[in-house]
N, C-alpha and C. Protein backbone atom coordinates (compact mmCIF):
# COMPACT_ATOMS: atom_id res chain seq x y z
N UNK A 1 11.38 -1.79 -8.59
CA UNK A 1 10.43 -2.52 -9.37
C UNK A 1 10.62 -2.13 -10.84
N UNK A 2 10.65 -3.05 -11.72
CA UNK A 2 10.79 -2.76 -13.12
C UNK A 2 9.61 -3.34 -13.86
N UNK A 3 9.38 -2.83 -15.06
CA UNK A 3 8.25 -3.32 -15.86
C UNK A 3 6.97 -2.82 -15.24
N UNK A 4 5.95 -3.68 -15.27
CA UNK A 4 4.64 -3.28 -14.76
C UNK A 4 3.99 -4.41 -13.97
N UNK A 5 3.25 -4.07 -12.97
CA UNK A 5 2.46 -5.02 -12.22
C UNK A 5 1.06 -4.50 -12.09
N UNK A 6 0.08 -5.38 -12.11
CA UNK A 6 -1.29 -4.97 -11.94
C UNK A 6 -1.91 -5.90 -10.86
N UNK A 7 -2.50 -5.25 -9.85
CA UNK A 7 -3.18 -5.96 -8.81
C UNK A 7 -4.65 -5.58 -9.00
N UNK A 8 -5.47 -6.52 -9.44
CA UNK A 8 -6.82 -6.15 -9.79
C UNK A 8 -7.85 -7.10 -9.36
N UNK A 9 -8.99 -6.61 -8.98
CA UNK A 9 -10.14 -7.41 -8.61
C UNK A 9 -11.20 -7.38 -9.72
N UNK A 10 -10.89 -6.76 -10.86
CA UNK A 10 -11.87 -6.54 -11.92
C UNK A 10 -12.09 -7.78 -12.73
N UNK A 11 -11.05 -8.57 -12.98
CA UNK A 11 -11.17 -9.71 -13.92
C UNK A 11 -11.01 -11.03 -13.28
N UNK A 12 -11.30 -11.15 -12.00
CA UNK A 12 -11.16 -12.42 -11.29
C UNK A 12 -9.75 -12.66 -10.81
N UNK A 13 -9.52 -13.85 -10.32
CA UNK A 13 -8.25 -14.19 -9.72
C UNK A 13 -7.18 -14.37 -10.76
N UNK A 14 -5.96 -14.09 -10.38
CA UNK A 14 -4.82 -14.34 -11.27
C UNK A 14 -4.65 -15.87 -11.41
N UNK A 15 -4.08 -16.35 -12.53
CA UNK A 15 -3.99 -17.81 -12.77
C UNK A 15 -3.25 -18.55 -11.69
N UNK A 16 -2.34 -17.92 -10.97
CA UNK A 16 -1.54 -18.64 -9.97
C UNK A 16 -2.09 -18.48 -8.56
N UNK A 17 -3.30 -17.95 -8.41
CA UNK A 17 -3.88 -17.78 -7.12
C UNK A 17 -4.68 -19.01 -6.72
N UNK A 18 -4.78 -19.27 -5.43
CA UNK A 18 -5.55 -20.42 -4.94
C UNK A 18 -6.43 -19.97 -3.80
N UNK A 19 -7.62 -20.56 -3.72
CA UNK A 19 -8.49 -20.30 -2.59
C UNK A 19 -8.11 -21.16 -1.40
N UNK A 20 -7.99 -20.50 -0.24
CA UNK A 20 -7.59 -21.24 0.99
C UNK A 20 -8.54 -20.85 2.10
N UNK A 21 -9.03 -21.81 2.82
CA UNK A 21 -9.92 -21.54 3.97
C UNK A 21 -9.10 -20.95 5.09
N UNK A 22 -9.55 -19.82 5.63
CA UNK A 22 -8.85 -19.13 6.69
C UNK A 22 -9.72 -19.05 7.92
N UNK A 23 -9.20 -19.44 9.06
CA UNK A 23 -9.94 -19.27 10.32
C UNK A 23 -9.31 -18.09 11.08
N UNK A 24 -10.01 -16.98 11.18
CA UNK A 24 -9.43 -15.80 11.81
C UNK A 24 -8.84 -16.01 13.20
N UNK A 25 -9.48 -16.90 13.98
CA UNK A 25 -8.99 -17.12 15.35
C UNK A 25 -7.58 -17.76 15.31
N UNK A 26 -7.32 -18.62 14.31
CA UNK A 26 -6.02 -19.25 14.18
C UNK A 26 -4.98 -18.16 13.83
N UNK A 27 -5.33 -17.28 12.94
CA UNK A 27 -4.41 -16.18 12.62
C UNK A 27 -4.12 -15.30 13.81
N UNK A 28 -5.15 -15.03 14.63
CA UNK A 28 -4.97 -14.22 15.81
C UNK A 28 -4.03 -14.86 16.80
N UNK A 29 -4.22 -16.17 16.99
CA UNK A 29 -3.33 -16.91 17.89
C UNK A 29 -1.89 -16.93 17.42
N UNK A 30 -1.72 -17.15 16.10
CA UNK A 30 -0.36 -17.14 15.52
C UNK A 30 0.29 -15.76 15.65
N UNK A 31 -0.50 -14.70 15.39
CA UNK A 31 0.05 -13.38 15.50
C UNK A 31 0.46 -13.05 16.92
N UNK A 32 -0.37 -13.48 17.89
CA UNK A 32 -0.04 -13.24 19.30
C UNK A 32 1.19 -13.99 19.72
N UNK A 33 1.32 -15.23 19.29
CA UNK A 33 2.47 -16.07 19.63
C UNK A 33 3.77 -15.45 19.07
N UNK A 34 3.70 -15.04 17.78
CA UNK A 34 4.88 -14.44 17.16
C UNK A 34 5.21 -13.09 17.80
N UNK A 35 4.24 -12.36 18.20
CA UNK A 35 4.50 -11.10 18.92
C UNK A 35 5.27 -11.33 20.19
N UNK A 36 4.89 -12.34 20.93
CA UNK A 36 5.58 -12.67 22.20
C UNK A 36 7.02 -13.10 21.89
N UNK A 37 7.22 -13.90 20.84
CA UNK A 37 8.57 -14.32 20.49
C UNK A 37 9.47 -13.12 20.09
N UNK A 38 8.89 -12.20 19.35
CA UNK A 38 9.70 -11.02 18.97
C UNK A 38 10.06 -10.21 20.22
N UNK A 39 9.15 -10.05 21.14
CA UNK A 39 9.43 -9.32 22.35
C UNK A 39 10.54 -10.00 23.17
N UNK A 40 10.56 -11.30 23.19
CA UNK A 40 11.61 -12.01 23.91
C UNK A 40 12.95 -11.81 23.28
N UNK A 41 12.98 -11.80 21.92
CA UNK A 41 14.27 -11.56 21.21
C UNK A 41 14.74 -10.14 21.48
N UNK A 42 13.84 -9.15 21.38
CA UNK A 42 14.22 -7.77 21.64
C UNK A 42 14.75 -7.62 23.06
N UNK A 43 14.10 -8.29 24.03
CA UNK A 43 14.52 -8.18 25.42
C UNK A 43 15.91 -8.77 25.61
N UNK A 44 16.15 -9.96 24.99
CA UNK A 44 17.46 -10.60 25.11
C UNK A 44 18.54 -9.74 24.46
N UNK A 45 18.24 -9.08 23.37
CA UNK A 45 19.22 -8.22 22.68
C UNK A 45 19.55 -7.03 23.56
N UNK A 46 18.53 -6.41 24.20
CA UNK A 46 18.80 -5.27 25.06
C UNK A 46 19.66 -5.64 26.24
N UNK A 47 19.44 -6.83 26.80
CA UNK A 47 20.19 -7.25 27.98
C UNK A 47 21.66 -7.51 27.61
N UNK A 48 21.92 -7.88 26.39
CA UNK A 48 23.27 -8.24 25.97
C UNK A 48 23.87 -7.23 24.98
N UNK A 49 23.34 -5.99 25.00
CA UNK A 49 23.73 -4.98 24.02
C UNK A 49 25.23 -4.71 24.08
N UNK A 50 25.75 -4.54 25.28
CA UNK A 50 27.20 -4.20 25.45
C UNK A 50 28.09 -5.29 24.94
N UNK A 51 27.78 -6.55 25.27
CA UNK A 51 28.63 -7.66 24.88
C UNK A 51 28.53 -7.95 23.36
N UNK A 52 27.35 -7.66 22.79
CA UNK A 52 27.19 -7.90 21.38
C UNK A 52 27.75 -6.83 20.51
N UNK A 53 27.84 -5.58 21.04
CA UNK A 53 28.43 -4.49 20.28
C UNK A 53 27.69 -4.18 18.98
N UNK A 54 28.46 -4.05 17.89
CA UNK A 54 27.84 -3.75 16.58
C UNK A 54 26.93 -4.91 16.15
N UNK A 55 27.30 -6.11 16.48
CA UNK A 55 26.48 -7.23 16.09
C UNK A 55 25.09 -7.15 16.72
N UNK A 56 24.99 -6.58 17.93
CA UNK A 56 23.74 -6.39 18.57
C UNK A 56 22.83 -5.46 17.76
N UNK A 57 23.39 -4.39 17.27
CA UNK A 57 22.63 -3.45 16.45
C UNK A 57 22.18 -4.09 15.16
N UNK A 58 23.04 -4.89 14.53
CA UNK A 58 22.65 -5.60 13.31
C UNK A 58 21.56 -6.62 13.60
N UNK A 59 21.69 -7.30 14.72
CA UNK A 59 20.65 -8.27 15.10
C UNK A 59 19.29 -7.64 15.29
N UNK A 60 19.31 -6.47 16.00
CA UNK A 60 18.06 -5.74 16.24
C UNK A 60 17.44 -5.28 14.96
N UNK A 61 18.28 -4.77 14.02
CA UNK A 61 17.78 -4.30 12.75
C UNK A 61 17.18 -5.46 11.93
N UNK A 62 17.85 -6.61 11.96
CA UNK A 62 17.38 -7.77 11.23
C UNK A 62 16.05 -8.28 11.79
N UNK A 63 15.95 -8.27 13.13
CA UNK A 63 14.69 -8.71 13.74
C UNK A 63 13.54 -7.75 13.40
N UNK A 64 13.86 -6.43 13.40
CA UNK A 64 12.82 -5.46 13.06
C UNK A 64 12.37 -5.66 11.59
N UNK A 65 13.29 -5.92 10.67
CA UNK A 65 12.93 -6.22 9.32
C UNK A 65 12.08 -7.47 9.21
N UNK A 66 12.47 -8.48 9.97
CA UNK A 66 11.72 -9.76 9.97
C UNK A 66 10.28 -9.54 10.47
N UNK A 67 10.19 -8.78 11.54
CA UNK A 67 8.88 -8.49 12.12
C UNK A 67 8.00 -7.73 11.12
N UNK A 68 8.61 -6.79 10.40
CA UNK A 68 7.84 -6.06 9.34
C UNK A 68 7.33 -6.96 8.29
N UNK A 69 8.15 -7.90 7.84
CA UNK A 69 7.73 -8.83 6.79
C UNK A 69 6.60 -9.75 7.28
N UNK A 70 6.73 -10.23 8.52
CA UNK A 70 5.70 -11.05 9.12
C UNK A 70 4.36 -10.30 9.19
N UNK A 71 4.41 -9.04 9.60
CA UNK A 71 3.18 -8.24 9.64
C UNK A 71 2.56 -8.10 8.28
N UNK A 72 3.37 -7.91 7.25
CA UNK A 72 2.83 -7.80 5.91
C UNK A 72 2.15 -9.10 5.45
N UNK A 73 2.80 -10.20 5.79
CA UNK A 73 2.22 -11.53 5.46
C UNK A 73 0.86 -11.70 6.09
N UNK A 74 0.75 -11.32 7.33
CA UNK A 74 -0.55 -11.40 8.04
C UNK A 74 -1.57 -10.47 7.42
N UNK A 75 -1.10 -9.27 7.05
CA UNK A 75 -2.00 -8.34 6.35
C UNK A 75 -2.53 -8.92 5.07
N UNK A 76 -1.68 -9.69 4.38
CA UNK A 76 -2.04 -10.22 3.08
C UNK A 76 -3.07 -11.32 3.16
N UNK A 77 -3.04 -12.13 4.26
CA UNK A 77 -3.91 -13.31 4.34
C UNK A 77 -5.09 -13.13 5.30
N UNK A 78 -5.07 -12.07 6.11
CA UNK A 78 -6.14 -11.87 7.11
C UNK A 78 -7.39 -11.35 6.41
N UNK A 79 -8.56 -11.97 6.65
CA UNK A 79 -9.79 -11.44 6.06
C UNK A 79 -10.08 -10.01 6.55
N UNK A 80 -10.63 -9.21 5.67
CA UNK A 80 -10.86 -7.80 5.96
C UNK A 80 -12.34 -7.48 5.64
N UNK A 81 -12.99 -6.78 6.55
CA UNK A 81 -14.34 -6.29 6.30
C UNK A 81 -14.29 -4.81 6.07
N UNK A 82 -14.97 -4.34 5.02
CA UNK A 82 -14.94 -2.95 4.69
C UNK A 82 -16.21 -2.23 5.15
N UNK A 83 -16.09 -0.95 5.52
CA UNK A 83 -17.23 -0.07 5.78
C UNK A 83 -17.21 1.00 4.70
N UNK A 84 -17.92 0.71 3.60
CA UNK A 84 -17.85 1.63 2.43
C UNK A 84 -18.78 2.80 2.58
N UNK A 85 -18.24 3.93 2.26
CA UNK A 85 -19.03 5.19 2.32
C UNK A 85 -18.70 6.02 1.09
N UNK A 86 -19.71 6.73 0.51
CA UNK A 86 -19.39 7.62 -0.59
C UNK A 86 -18.43 8.74 -0.14
N UNK A 87 -17.38 8.91 -0.90
CA UNK A 87 -16.36 9.90 -0.57
C UNK A 87 -15.96 10.65 -1.85
N UNK A 88 -15.89 11.98 -1.81
CA UNK A 88 -15.47 12.73 -3.00
C UNK A 88 -14.13 12.24 -3.51
N UNK A 89 -14.01 11.99 -4.76
CA UNK A 89 -12.77 11.51 -5.36
C UNK A 89 -11.66 12.51 -5.13
N UNK A 90 -11.96 13.81 -5.21
CA UNK A 90 -10.96 14.83 -5.00
C UNK A 90 -10.35 14.72 -3.62
N UNK A 91 -11.20 14.39 -2.63
CA UNK A 91 -10.71 14.27 -1.25
C UNK A 91 -9.79 13.04 -1.13
N UNK A 92 -10.15 11.94 -1.85
CA UNK A 92 -9.30 10.76 -1.82
C UNK A 92 -7.93 11.10 -2.40
N UNK A 93 -7.89 11.85 -3.53
CA UNK A 93 -6.64 12.24 -4.16
C UNK A 93 -5.81 13.10 -3.23
N UNK A 94 -6.47 14.02 -2.51
CA UNK A 94 -5.74 14.90 -1.58
C UNK A 94 -5.18 14.11 -0.44
N UNK A 95 -5.86 13.05 -0.02
CA UNK A 95 -5.37 12.21 1.04
C UNK A 95 -4.07 11.52 0.65
N UNK A 96 -4.04 11.03 -0.59
CA UNK A 96 -2.83 10.41 -1.09
C UNK A 96 -1.71 11.44 -1.22
N UNK A 97 -2.04 12.64 -1.63
CA UNK A 97 -1.05 13.74 -1.73
C UNK A 97 -0.44 14.01 -0.36
N UNK A 98 -1.24 13.96 0.69
CA UNK A 98 -0.77 14.18 2.04
C UNK A 98 0.22 13.10 2.44
N UNK A 99 -0.02 11.86 2.01
CA UNK A 99 0.89 10.77 2.30
C UNK A 99 2.27 11.02 1.64
N UNK A 100 2.26 11.52 0.40
CA UNK A 100 3.51 11.82 -0.33
C UNK A 100 4.26 12.93 0.40
N UNK A 101 3.52 13.97 0.79
CA UNK A 101 4.14 15.11 1.49
C UNK A 101 4.78 14.72 2.82
N UNK A 102 4.24 13.65 3.47
CA UNK A 102 4.73 13.25 4.75
C UNK A 102 6.14 12.69 4.67
N UNK A 103 6.53 12.18 3.46
CA UNK A 103 7.88 11.59 3.31
C UNK A 103 8.71 12.33 2.27
N UNK A 104 8.25 13.50 1.84
CA UNK A 104 8.96 14.17 0.77
C UNK A 104 8.78 15.66 0.87
N UNK A 105 9.77 16.41 0.38
CA UNK A 105 9.66 17.86 0.28
C UNK A 105 9.30 18.27 -1.16
N UNK A 106 8.95 17.27 -1.97
CA UNK A 106 8.63 17.55 -3.36
C UNK A 106 7.37 18.36 -3.48
N UNK A 107 7.27 19.08 -4.57
CA UNK A 107 6.04 19.78 -4.93
C UNK A 107 5.05 18.72 -5.44
N UNK A 108 3.93 18.61 -4.76
CA UNK A 108 2.91 17.63 -5.10
C UNK A 108 1.74 18.38 -5.82
N UNK A 109 1.55 18.13 -7.07
CA UNK A 109 0.55 18.81 -7.84
C UNK A 109 -0.62 17.89 -8.07
N UNK A 110 -1.78 18.30 -7.60
CA UNK A 110 -2.99 17.45 -7.68
C UNK A 110 -3.93 18.07 -8.73
N UNK A 111 -4.30 17.35 -9.74
CA UNK A 111 -5.24 17.79 -10.72
C UNK A 111 -6.65 17.83 -10.19
N UNK A 112 -7.55 18.40 -10.95
CA UNK A 112 -8.94 18.48 -10.53
C UNK A 112 -9.84 17.72 -11.55
N UNK A 113 -10.98 17.30 -11.08
CA UNK A 113 -11.91 16.59 -11.97
C UNK A 113 -13.34 17.08 -11.66
N UNK A 114 -14.26 16.70 -12.50
CA UNK A 114 -15.66 17.02 -12.22
C UNK A 114 -16.08 16.30 -10.96
N UNK A 115 -16.94 16.92 -10.15
CA UNK A 115 -17.34 16.27 -8.88
C UNK A 115 -17.89 14.84 -9.08
N UNK A 116 -17.30 13.92 -8.38
CA UNK A 116 -17.72 12.54 -8.39
C UNK A 116 -17.23 11.88 -7.14
N UNK A 117 -17.98 10.89 -6.67
CA UNK A 117 -17.63 10.17 -5.46
C UNK A 117 -17.30 8.72 -5.73
N UNK A 118 -16.56 8.10 -4.83
CA UNK A 118 -16.24 6.68 -4.91
C UNK A 118 -16.61 6.07 -3.57
N UNK A 119 -16.94 4.77 -3.59
CA UNK A 119 -17.25 4.07 -2.36
C UNK A 119 -15.96 3.52 -1.76
N UNK A 120 -15.57 4.03 -0.59
CA UNK A 120 -14.34 3.59 0.02
C UNK A 120 -14.47 3.44 1.51
N UNK A 121 -13.61 2.61 2.06
CA UNK A 121 -13.38 2.52 3.50
C UNK A 121 -12.17 3.40 3.79
N UNK A 122 -12.37 4.56 4.33
CA UNK A 122 -11.26 5.54 4.44
C UNK A 122 -10.09 4.99 5.26
N UNK A 123 -10.35 4.18 6.26
CA UNK A 123 -9.28 3.62 7.09
C UNK A 123 -8.45 2.63 6.34
N UNK A 124 -9.11 1.75 5.60
CA UNK A 124 -8.37 0.74 4.80
C UNK A 124 -7.62 1.41 3.65
N UNK A 125 -8.26 2.44 3.06
CA UNK A 125 -7.61 3.11 1.94
C UNK A 125 -6.37 3.87 2.44
N UNK A 126 -6.47 4.46 3.61
CA UNK A 126 -5.29 5.11 4.20
C UNK A 126 -4.16 4.13 4.43
N UNK A 127 -4.47 2.93 4.85
CA UNK A 127 -3.46 1.89 5.03
C UNK A 127 -2.81 1.57 3.70
N UNK A 128 -3.62 1.47 2.64
CA UNK A 128 -3.07 1.22 1.30
C UNK A 128 -2.10 2.33 0.90
N UNK A 129 -2.50 3.55 1.13
CA UNK A 129 -1.61 4.69 0.76
C UNK A 129 -0.29 4.60 1.54
N UNK A 130 -0.38 4.23 2.81
CA UNK A 130 0.83 4.15 3.59
C UNK A 130 1.77 3.07 3.07
N UNK A 131 1.22 1.95 2.64
CA UNK A 131 2.05 0.84 2.11
C UNK A 131 2.72 1.29 0.81
N UNK A 132 1.98 1.95 -0.05
CA UNK A 132 2.59 2.47 -1.29
C UNK A 132 3.63 3.53 -0.95
N UNK A 133 3.38 4.31 0.07
CA UNK A 133 4.37 5.33 0.48
C UNK A 133 5.66 4.69 0.95
N UNK A 134 5.58 3.56 1.64
CA UNK A 134 6.78 2.86 2.05
C UNK A 134 7.55 2.30 0.88
N UNK A 135 6.83 1.80 -0.14
CA UNK A 135 7.47 1.24 -1.29
C UNK A 135 8.14 2.33 -2.17
N UNK A 136 7.56 3.52 -2.15
CA UNK A 136 8.08 4.58 -2.99
C UNK A 136 8.88 5.65 -2.21
N UNK A 137 9.12 5.40 -0.96
CA UNK A 137 9.68 6.42 -0.06
C UNK A 137 11.00 6.97 -0.57
N UNK A 138 11.90 6.13 -1.06
CA UNK A 138 13.19 6.61 -1.52
C UNK A 138 13.04 7.54 -2.73
N UNK A 139 12.20 7.13 -3.66
CA UNK A 139 11.97 7.96 -4.85
C UNK A 139 11.32 9.28 -4.52
N UNK A 140 10.33 9.20 -3.67
CA UNK A 140 9.61 10.45 -3.30
C UNK A 140 10.51 11.43 -2.56
N UNK A 141 11.36 10.89 -1.65
CA UNK A 141 12.24 11.72 -0.87
C UNK A 141 13.18 12.51 -1.75
N UNK A 142 13.57 11.94 -2.87
CA UNK A 142 14.54 12.57 -3.79
C UNK A 142 13.90 13.38 -4.89
N UNK A 143 12.56 13.30 -5.02
CA UNK A 143 11.88 13.95 -6.11
C UNK A 143 11.67 15.44 -5.82
N UNK A 144 11.65 16.23 -6.87
CA UNK A 144 11.33 17.63 -6.77
C UNK A 144 9.85 17.86 -7.06
N UNK A 145 9.25 16.95 -7.82
CA UNK A 145 7.87 17.13 -8.17
C UNK A 145 7.20 15.75 -8.36
N UNK A 146 6.00 15.63 -7.82
CA UNK A 146 5.18 14.43 -8.00
C UNK A 146 3.81 14.91 -8.53
N UNK A 147 3.37 14.33 -9.60
CA UNK A 147 2.10 14.75 -10.22
C UNK A 147 1.00 13.70 -9.97
N UNK A 148 -0.17 14.20 -9.60
CA UNK A 148 -1.34 13.34 -9.40
C UNK A 148 -2.46 13.83 -10.32
N UNK A 149 -2.80 13.00 -11.30
CA UNK A 149 -3.90 13.30 -12.20
C UNK A 149 -5.14 12.49 -11.85
N UNK A 150 -6.29 13.07 -12.00
CA UNK A 150 -7.55 12.37 -11.71
C UNK A 150 -8.33 12.20 -12.99
N UNK A 151 -8.64 10.94 -13.31
CA UNK A 151 -9.32 10.63 -14.56
C UNK A 151 -10.61 9.89 -14.25
N UNK A 152 -11.63 10.20 -15.07
CA UNK A 152 -12.92 9.53 -14.87
C UNK A 152 -13.39 8.88 -16.15
N UNK A 153 -13.82 7.62 -16.04
CA UNK A 153 -14.35 6.89 -17.17
C UNK A 153 -15.84 6.65 -16.88
N UNK A 154 -16.68 7.50 -17.50
CA UNK A 154 -18.12 7.45 -17.19
C UNK A 154 -18.74 6.16 -17.72
N UNK A 155 -18.22 5.65 -18.83
CA UNK A 155 -18.83 4.44 -19.41
C UNK A 155 -18.54 3.20 -18.51
N UNK A 156 -17.31 3.14 -18.03
CA UNK A 156 -16.93 2.02 -17.15
C UNK A 156 -17.35 2.24 -15.69
N UNK A 157 -17.84 3.46 -15.40
CA UNK A 157 -18.24 3.82 -14.03
C UNK A 157 -17.09 3.62 -13.06
N UNK A 158 -15.95 4.18 -13.40
CA UNK A 158 -14.81 4.07 -12.56
C UNK A 158 -13.95 5.33 -12.69
N UNK A 159 -13.11 5.53 -11.76
CA UNK A 159 -12.20 6.71 -11.80
C UNK A 159 -10.77 6.22 -11.44
N UNK A 160 -9.82 7.01 -11.88
CA UNK A 160 -8.43 6.64 -11.63
C UNK A 160 -7.66 7.81 -11.07
N UNK A 161 -6.88 7.53 -10.04
CA UNK A 161 -5.92 8.48 -9.50
C UNK A 161 -4.54 8.04 -10.01
N UNK A 162 -3.99 8.82 -10.89
CA UNK A 162 -2.75 8.43 -11.59
C UNK A 162 -1.59 9.30 -11.06
N UNK A 163 -0.55 8.63 -10.57
CA UNK A 163 0.60 9.28 -9.91
C UNK A 163 1.87 9.01 -10.73
N UNK A 164 2.62 10.06 -11.03
CA UNK A 164 3.91 9.88 -11.74
C UNK A 164 4.97 10.64 -11.00
N UNK A 165 6.18 10.08 -11.01
CA UNK A 165 7.29 10.65 -10.27
C UNK A 165 8.62 10.17 -10.84
N UNK A 166 9.70 10.96 -10.69
CA UNK A 166 10.99 10.48 -11.13
C UNK A 166 11.55 9.47 -10.18
N UNK A 167 12.39 8.56 -10.66
CA UNK A 167 12.99 7.53 -9.83
C UNK A 167 14.48 7.82 -9.60
N UNK A 168 14.96 7.39 -8.46
CA UNK A 168 16.34 7.51 -8.09
C UNK A 168 17.17 6.46 -8.88
N UNK A 169 18.22 6.92 -9.55
CA UNK A 169 19.04 6.00 -10.31
C UNK A 169 19.64 4.90 -9.40
N UNK A 170 19.48 3.67 -9.76
CA UNK A 170 20.04 2.59 -8.96
C UNK A 170 19.17 2.17 -7.82
N UNK A 171 17.97 2.72 -7.71
CA UNK A 171 17.03 2.33 -6.63
C UNK A 171 16.35 1.05 -7.01
N UNK A 172 16.94 -0.07 -6.67
CA UNK A 172 16.37 -1.37 -7.02
C UNK A 172 15.37 -1.82 -5.94
N UNK A 173 14.25 -2.38 -6.37
CA UNK A 173 13.26 -2.81 -5.43
C UNK A 173 13.67 -4.13 -4.77
N UNK A 174 13.12 -4.38 -3.59
CA UNK A 174 13.43 -5.59 -2.84
C UNK A 174 12.21 -6.50 -2.82
N UNK A 175 12.38 -7.70 -2.28
CA UNK A 175 11.23 -8.59 -2.13
C UNK A 175 10.21 -8.02 -1.21
N UNK A 176 10.66 -7.30 -0.16
CA UNK A 176 9.68 -6.70 0.76
C UNK A 176 8.86 -5.62 0.04
N UNK A 177 9.49 -4.90 -0.93
CA UNK A 177 8.74 -3.91 -1.74
C UNK A 177 7.61 -4.61 -2.49
N UNK A 178 7.91 -5.77 -3.08
CA UNK A 178 6.88 -6.52 -3.78
C UNK A 178 5.72 -6.90 -2.85
N UNK A 179 6.06 -7.23 -1.63
CA UNK A 179 5.01 -7.58 -0.65
C UNK A 179 4.19 -6.36 -0.27
N UNK A 180 4.84 -5.20 -0.16
CA UNK A 180 4.13 -3.95 0.13
C UNK A 180 3.10 -3.68 -1.00
N UNK A 181 3.55 -3.83 -2.23
CA UNK A 181 2.62 -3.61 -3.37
C UNK A 181 1.50 -4.61 -3.37
N UNK A 182 1.81 -5.87 -3.03
CA UNK A 182 0.81 -6.92 -3.05
C UNK A 182 -0.29 -6.66 -1.99
N UNK A 183 0.11 -6.27 -0.79
CA UNK A 183 -0.86 -5.99 0.25
C UNK A 183 -1.71 -4.78 -0.10
N UNK A 184 -1.05 -3.75 -0.62
CA UNK A 184 -1.79 -2.52 -1.06
C UNK A 184 -2.76 -2.91 -2.15
N UNK A 185 -2.33 -3.75 -3.08
CA UNK A 185 -3.19 -4.19 -4.18
C UNK A 185 -4.41 -4.94 -3.69
N UNK A 186 -4.24 -5.79 -2.66
CA UNK A 186 -5.33 -6.50 -2.06
C UNK A 186 -6.41 -5.56 -1.53
N UNK A 187 -5.96 -4.51 -0.87
CA UNK A 187 -6.91 -3.55 -0.27
C UNK A 187 -7.71 -2.86 -1.36
N UNK A 188 -7.08 -2.52 -2.48
CA UNK A 188 -7.81 -1.91 -3.58
C UNK A 188 -8.77 -2.92 -4.20
N UNK A 189 -8.33 -4.17 -4.32
CA UNK A 189 -9.21 -5.23 -4.87
C UNK A 189 -10.49 -5.35 -4.06
N UNK A 190 -10.39 -5.23 -2.76
CA UNK A 190 -11.56 -5.36 -1.88
C UNK A 190 -12.55 -4.23 -2.16
N UNK A 191 -12.10 -3.11 -2.68
CA UNK A 191 -12.99 -2.03 -3.03
C UNK A 191 -13.58 -2.22 -4.48
N UNK A 192 -13.21 -3.33 -5.09
CA UNK A 192 -13.67 -3.57 -6.45
C UNK A 192 -12.87 -2.81 -7.48
N UNK A 193 -11.66 -2.41 -7.12
CA UNK A 193 -10.82 -1.64 -8.04
C UNK A 193 -9.54 -2.34 -8.37
N UNK A 194 -8.55 -1.56 -8.76
CA UNK A 194 -7.25 -2.14 -9.16
C UNK A 194 -6.13 -1.15 -8.84
N UNK A 195 -4.99 -1.73 -8.48
CA UNK A 195 -3.77 -0.95 -8.27
C UNK A 195 -2.81 -1.32 -9.40
N UNK A 196 -2.35 -0.37 -10.15
CA UNK A 196 -1.42 -0.61 -11.24
C UNK A 196 -0.18 0.21 -11.01
N UNK A 197 0.97 -0.43 -11.23
CA UNK A 197 2.23 0.27 -11.04
C UNK A 197 3.25 -0.16 -12.08
N UNK A 198 4.10 0.75 -12.47
CA UNK A 198 5.17 0.45 -13.42
C UNK A 198 6.31 1.37 -13.17
N UNK A 199 7.51 0.97 -13.63
CA UNK A 199 8.67 1.81 -13.42
C UNK A 199 9.75 1.49 -14.45
N UNK A 200 10.61 2.49 -14.66
CA UNK A 200 11.77 2.32 -15.49
C UNK A 200 12.94 2.82 -14.64
N UNK A 201 14.09 2.95 -15.23
CA UNK A 201 15.25 3.48 -14.50
C UNK A 201 15.13 4.96 -14.13
N UNK A 202 14.23 5.65 -14.82
CA UNK A 202 14.14 7.12 -14.58
C UNK A 202 12.79 7.58 -14.08
N UNK A 203 11.74 6.80 -14.22
CA UNK A 203 10.41 7.25 -13.85
C UNK A 203 9.58 6.11 -13.33
N UNK A 204 8.61 6.47 -12.49
CA UNK A 204 7.68 5.50 -11.96
C UNK A 204 6.26 6.03 -11.97
N UNK A 205 5.30 5.14 -12.04
CA UNK A 205 3.93 5.52 -12.00
C UNK A 205 3.14 4.48 -11.15
N UNK A 206 2.06 4.96 -10.59
CA UNK A 206 1.12 4.03 -9.96
C UNK A 206 -0.27 4.69 -10.08
N UNK A 207 -1.27 3.85 -10.15
CA UNK A 207 -2.62 4.37 -10.29
C UNK A 207 -3.59 3.54 -9.44
N UNK A 208 -4.56 4.21 -8.91
CA UNK A 208 -5.59 3.58 -8.10
C UNK A 208 -6.90 3.70 -8.89
N UNK A 209 -7.47 2.58 -9.31
CA UNK A 209 -8.73 2.60 -10.03
C UNK A 209 -9.84 2.19 -9.08
N UNK A 210 -10.84 3.02 -8.94
CA UNK A 210 -11.95 2.75 -8.02
C UNK A 210 -13.28 2.95 -8.74
N UNK A 211 -14.29 2.14 -8.38
CA UNK A 211 -15.61 2.33 -8.97
C UNK A 211 -16.26 3.58 -8.48
N UNK A 212 -16.94 4.32 -9.32
CA UNK A 212 -17.59 5.55 -8.93
C UNK A 212 -18.99 5.22 -8.38
N UNK A 213 -19.53 6.14 -7.66
CA UNK A 213 -20.83 5.99 -7.02
C UNK A 213 -21.94 6.26 -8.04
N UNK A 214 -22.87 5.34 -8.16
CA UNK A 214 -24.05 5.59 -8.99
C UNK A 214 -25.14 6.20 -8.17
N UNK A 215 -26.20 6.59 -8.80
CA UNK A 215 -27.31 7.22 -8.06
C UNK A 215 -27.87 6.31 -6.96
N UNK A 216 -27.96 5.01 -7.25
CA UNK A 216 -28.50 4.08 -6.21
C UNK A 216 -27.55 3.92 -5.01
N UNK A 217 -26.27 4.18 -5.23
CA UNK A 217 -25.31 4.02 -4.14
C UNK A 217 -25.18 5.24 -3.27
N UNK A 218 -25.72 6.35 -3.70
CA UNK A 218 -25.43 7.63 -3.03
C UNK A 218 -25.89 7.62 -1.58
N UNK A 219 -26.85 6.82 -1.25
CA UNK A 219 -27.33 6.80 0.14
C UNK A 219 -26.69 5.78 1.03
N UNK A 220 -25.67 5.07 0.53
CA UNK A 220 -25.01 4.02 1.32
C UNK A 220 -24.27 4.61 2.51
């Protein structure tokens, strides 16, 4: 990924977005049907593995990639309900640090901030972190150090988890990477926040902006 991308729910929809009526049961039926089709393809490939040889391995790999893209598309369009709970921002940052450590031996340095909480659905936020981890996996695996800074804007009643890391030379993003970022951005939008990311040939950054908990929200 080059330049910068912002996925935000703060300022309304992007100019090229459109509202579409979604029936969850239709999506469930489509997902079930596609799942059955993928299983049939995998089964046929296994039965003909010897005769297909190397082409069989390539076919399996291509089908796995296709299945991954289809899953992301469903993640992008499927309606999501959140169970928001006040969570210490420091704990959220440490959760993201754990995601980085799971795919990297880099030193992950997490800054500290004054005690503050954000309203999050921990399960959905974990999914967001996993998607960003997949998009940044190559860079993180090669990095020696990843820095996580925590910033708080009391006037805007929001906080930011800012991540910076070196990039692998020649690590060009793919269309699937863009989809990973898009789905992750949607999850942050649902929290009323924003996901911002940018990169150059030598460095990359991403930040998660989340609204902080006010006194009236503390009992949610």
